[in-house]
């Protein structure tokens, strides 16, 4: 009845990323959207920038021998309204030898529009276990 949840959409996005096909991840981004990482803030203002970003993310994954992503624990999803959700999750990315190449926390702000849930803001951060 209600369609995919924000958590369903995030899971689909991660599985789409595992294909290492930039075109597979593009439908999950709201345009405009924003990425916040250790390297700074990137604004994705239009479809061309979104394509460049997705291509760069996939190229970096290839560079590290990326194979798959594991969810480390459940996704924490807080509904701020019927159309805005904040999700926090910790991912571990593995290479083809099942060695960890990335272990970070992520926070996603998702917006629900006519086409369903889309990623509006991504924040990647060093995971610090809670005391």
C-alpha atoms as a PDB file:
ATOM      1  CA  UNK A   1       0.000   0.000   0.000  1.00  0.00           C
ATOM      2  CA  UNK A   2       2.593   2.598   1.058  1.00  0.00           C
ATOM      3  CA  UNK A   3       5.447   1.417  -1.166  1.00  0.00           C
ATOM      4  CA  UNK A   4       9.046   1.014  -0.086  1.00  0.00           C
ATOM      5  CA  UNK A   5      10.112   2.510   3.245  1.00  0.00           C
ATOM      6  CA  UNK A   6      13.192   4.719   3.600  1.00  0.00           C
ATOM      7  CA  UNK A   7      15.114   1.692   4.919  1.00  0.00           C
ATOM      8  CA  UNK A   8      13.972  -0.405   1.934  1.00  0.00           C
ATOM      9  CA  UNK A   9      15.156   2.336  -0.409  1.00  0.00           C
ATOM     10  CA  UNK A  10      18.542   2.628   1.321  1.00  0.00           C
ATOM     11  CA  UNK A  11      19.006  -1.149   1.097  1.00  0.00           C
ATOM     12  CA  UNK A  12      18.115  -1.061  -2.611  1.00  0.00           C
ATOM     13  CA  UNK A  13      20.617   1.787  -3.113  1.00  0.00           C
ATOM     14  CA  UNK A  14      23.417  -0.201  -1.445  1.00  0.00           C
ATOM     15  CA  UNK A  15      22.650  -3.242  -3.599  1.00  0.00           C
ATOM     16  CA  UNK A  16      22.566  -1.016  -6.709  1.00  0.00           C
ATOM     17  CA  UNK A  17      26.000   0.345  -5.740  1.00  0.00           C
ATOM     18  CA  UNK A  18      27.310  -3.225  -5.594  1.00  0.00           C
ATOM     19  CA  UNK A  19      26.706  -3.489  -9.349  1.00  0.00           C
ATOM     20  CA  UNK A  20      29.382  -0.793  -9.821  1.00  0.00           C
ATOM     21  CA  UNK A  21      27.206   0.773 -12.507  1.00  0.00           C
ATOM     22  CA  UNK A  22      26.793   4.539 -12.043  1.00  0.00           C
ATOM     23  CA  UNK A  23      23.461   4.435 -13.888  1.00  0.00           C
ATOM     24  CA  UNK A  24      22.127   1.980 -11.295  1.00  0.00           C
ATOM     25  CA  UNK A  25      22.662   4.399  -8.382  1.00  0.00           C
ATOM     26  CA  UNK A  26      21.505   7.617 -10.042  1.00  0.00           C
ATOM     27  CA  UNK A  27      17.760   6.985  -9.540  1.00  0.00           C
ATOM     28  CA  UNK A  28      18.286   7.014  -5.756  1.00  0.00           C
ATOM     29  CA  UNK A  29      19.561  10.605  -5.631  1.00  0.00           C
ATOM     30  CA  UNK A  30      17.286  13.576  -5.290  1.00  0.00           C
ATOM     31  CA  UNK A  31      18.601  16.337  -7.526  1.00  0.00           C
ATOM     32  CA  UNK A  32      19.670  18.626  -6.016  1.00  0.00           C
ATOM     33  CA  UNK A  33      21.375  16.780  -3.170  1.00  0.00           C
ATOM     34  CA  UNK A  34      24.449  17.170  -0.997  1.00  0.00           C
ATOM     35  CA  UNK A  35      27.355  14.950   0.063  1.00  0.00           C
ATOM     36  CA  UNK A  36      29.327  15.760   3.221  1.00  0.00           C
ATOM     37  CA  UNK A  37      32.559  13.835   3.722  1.00  0.00           C
ATOM     38  CA  UNK A  38      35.969  14.243   5.303  1.00  0.00           C
ATOM     39  CA  UNK A  39      36.987  15.928   2.037  1.00  0.00           C
ATOM     40  CA  UNK A  40      34.321  18.618   2.259  1.00  0.00           C
ATOM     41  CA  UNK A  41      30.846  19.394   1.025  1.00  0.00           C
ATOM     42  CA  UNK A  42      29.739  18.591  -2.524  1.00  0.00           C
ATOM     43  CA  UNK A  43      26.564  20.035  -3.958  1.00  0.00           C
ATOM     44  CA  UNK A  44      24.905  17.983  -6.670  1.00  0.00           C
ATOM     45  CA  UNK A  45      22.925  20.664  -8.455  1.00  0.00           C
ATOM     46  CA  UNK A  46      21.834  18.860 -11.628  1.00  0.00           C
ATOM     47  CA  UNK A  47      21.733  15.531 -13.453  1.00  0.00           C
ATOM     48  CA  UNK A  48      25.153  16.047 -15.081  1.00  0.00           C
ATOM     49  CA  UNK A  49      26.841  16.623 -11.713  1.00  0.00           C
ATOM     50  CA  UNK A  50      24.975  13.611 -10.263  1.00  0.00           C
ATOM     51  CA  UNK A  51      26.284  11.444 -13.093  1.00  0.00           C
ATOM     52  CA  UNK A  52      29.842  12.694 -12.548  1.00  0.00           C
ATOM     53  CA  UNK A  53      29.597  12.039  -8.817  1.00  0.00           C
ATOM     54  CA  UNK A  54      28.217   8.519  -9.290  1.00  0.00           C
ATOM     55  CA  UNK A  55      30.925   7.775 -11.855  1.00  0.00           C
ATOM     56  CA  UNK A  56      33.620   9.030  -9.452  1.00  0.00           C
ATOM     57  CA  UNK A  57      32.236   6.975  -6.541  1.00  0.00           C
ATOM     58  CA  UNK A  58      32.200   3.830  -8.665  1.00  0.00           C
ATOM     59  CA  UNK A  59      35.705   4.527 -10.007  1.00  0.00           C
ATOM     60  CA  UNK A  60      37.041   4.834  -6.443  1.00  0.00           C
ATOM     61  CA  UNK A  61      35.307   1.598  -5.488  1.00  0.00           C
ATOM     62  CA  UNK A  62      36.937  -0.146  -8.471  1.00  0.00           C
ATOM     63  CA  UNK A  63      40.291   1.294  -7.436  1.00  0.00           C
ATOM     64  CA  UNK A  64      39.982  -0.388  -4.017  1.00  0.00           C
ATOM     65  CA  UNK A  65      38.757  -3.698  -5.422  1.00  0.00           C
ATOM     66  CA  UNK A  66      35.295  -3.182  -3.937  1.00  0.00           C
ATOM     67  CA  UNK A  67      32.994  -6.202  -4.013  1.00  0.00           C
ATOM     68  CA  UNK A  68      30.200  -5.752  -1.483  1.00  0.00           C
ATOM     69  CA  UNK A  69      28.807  -3.839   1.501  1.00  0.00           C
ATOM     70  CA  UNK A  70      27.786  -5.201   4.878  1.00  0.00           C
ATOM     71  CA  UNK A  71      25.353  -3.422   7.169  1.00  0.00           C
ATOM     72  CA  UNK A  72      26.832  -3.412  10.679  1.00  0.00           C
ATOM     73  CA  UNK A  73      23.757  -3.402  12.853  1.00  0.00           C
ATOM     74  CA  UNK A  74      20.278  -2.205  12.065  1.00  0.00           C
ATOM     75  CA  UNK A  75      19.499   1.021  10.259  1.00  0.00           C
ATOM     76  CA  UNK A  76      18.291   3.690  12.687  1.00  0.00           C
ATOM     77  CA  UNK A  77      15.422   5.483  10.922  1.00  0.00           C
ATOM     78  CA  UNK A  78      13.686   8.524  12.374  1.00  0.00           C
ATOM     79  CA  UNK A  79      10.661   9.845  10.543  1.00  0.00           C
ATOM     80  CA  UNK A  80      10.629  13.641  10.849  1.00  0.00           C
ATOM     81  CA  UNK A  81       7.451  13.916   8.791  1.00  0.00           C
ATOM     82  CA  UNK A  82       5.605  11.740   6.270  1.00  0.00           C
ATOM     83  CA  UNK A  83       8.049  12.964   3.603  1.00  0.00           C
ATOM     84  CA  UNK A  84      11.354  13.393   5.500  1.00  0.00           C
ATOM     85  CA  UNK A  85      13.410  10.673   7.190  1.00  0.00           C
ATOM     86  CA  UNK A  86      16.863  10.610   8.768  1.00  0.00           C
ATOM     87  CA  UNK A  87      18.711   7.296   8.647  1.00  0.00           C
ATOM     88  CA  UNK A  88      21.940   6.386  10.421  1.00  0.00           C
ATOM     89  CA  UNK A  89      23.885   3.256   9.630  1.00  0.00           C
ATOM     90  CA  UNK A  90      27.370   1.840   9.779  1.00  0.00           C
ATOM     91  CA  UNK A  91      28.694   0.108   6.659  1.00  0.00           C
ATOM     92  CA  UNK A  92      31.689  -2.056   6.057  1.00  0.00           C
ATOM     93  CA  UNK A  93      32.834  -2.282   2.462  1.00  0.00           C
ATOM     94  CA  UNK A  94      34.787  -5.358   1.464  1.00  0.00           C
ATOM     95  CA  UNK A  95      37.019  -6.223  -1.462  1.00  0.00           C
ATOM     96  CA  UNK A  96      37.020  -9.454  -3.468  1.00  0.00           C
ATOM     97  CA  UNK A  97      39.262 -11.075  -0.820  1.00  0.00           C
ATOM     98  CA  UNK A  98      36.672 -10.113   1.845  1.00  0.00           C
ATOM     99  CA  UNK A  99      39.101  -7.659   3.416  1.00  0.00           C
ATOM    100  CA  UNK A 100      37.694  -4.443   4.869  1.00  0.00           C
ATOM    101  CA  UNK A 101      38.436  -1.442   2.671  1.00  0.00           C
ATOM    102  CA  UNK A 102      36.077   1.006   4.380  1.00  0.00           C
ATOM    103  CA  UNK A 103      34.307   1.125   7.747  1.00  0.00           C
ATOM    104  CA  UNK A 104      32.344   4.332   8.217  1.00  0.00           C
ATOM    105  CA  UNK A 105      29.159   5.677   9.675  1.00  0.00           C
ATOM    106  CA  UNK A 106      26.669   7.277   7.326  1.00  0.00           C
ATOM    107  CA  UNK A 107      23.714   9.547   7.868  1.00  0.00           C
ATOM    108  CA  UNK A 108      21.168   9.992   5.098  1.00  0.00           C
ATOM    109  CA  UNK A 109      18.392  12.544   4.898  1.00  0.00           C
ATOM    110  CA  UNK A 110      15.753  11.186   2.553  1.00  0.00           C
ATOM    111  CA  UNK A 111      12.806  12.951   0.968  1.00  0.00           C
ATOM    112  CA  UNK A 112       9.669  11.311  -0.364  1.00  0.00           C
ATOM    113  CA  UNK A 113       8.267  12.842  -3.525  1.00  0.00           C
ATOM    114  CA  UNK A 114       6.168  11.591  -6.422  1.00  0.00           C
ATOM    115  CA  UNK A 115       8.874   9.058  -7.378  1.00  0.00           C
ATOM    116  CA  UNK A 116       9.273   7.688  -3.834  1.00  0.00           C
ATOM    117  CA  UNK A 117      12.127   8.072  -1.375  1.00  0.00           C
ATOM    118  CA  UNK A 118      15.294   9.764  -2.630  1.00  0.00           C
ATOM    119  CA  UNK A 119      18.597  10.651  -0.972  1.00  0.00           C
ATOM    120  CA  UNK A 120      18.800  14.407  -0.331  1.00  0.00           C
ATOM    121  CA  UNK A 121      21.851  14.541   1.975  1.00  0.00           C
ATOM    122  CA  UNK A 122      24.614  11.996   2.612  1.00  0.00           C
ATOM    123  CA  UNK A 123      27.087  12.439   5.450  1.00  0.00           C
ATOM    124  CA  UNK A 124      29.978  10.006   5.866  1.00  0.00           C
ATOM    125  CA  UNK A 125      31.859  10.108   9.146  1.00  0.00           C
ATOM    126  CA  UNK A 126      34.401   8.179  11.169  1.00  0.00           C
ATOM    127  CA  UNK A 127      32.460   5.719  13.267  1.00  0.00           C
ATOM    128  CA  UNK A 128      32.951   6.209  16.993  1.00  0.00           C
ATOM    129  CA  UNK A 129      31.392   3.537  19.212  1.00  0.00           C
ATOM    130  CA  UNK A 130      28.994   4.925  21.791  1.00  0.00           C
ATOM    131  CA  UNK A 131      30.264   4.822  25.358  1.00  0.00           C
END
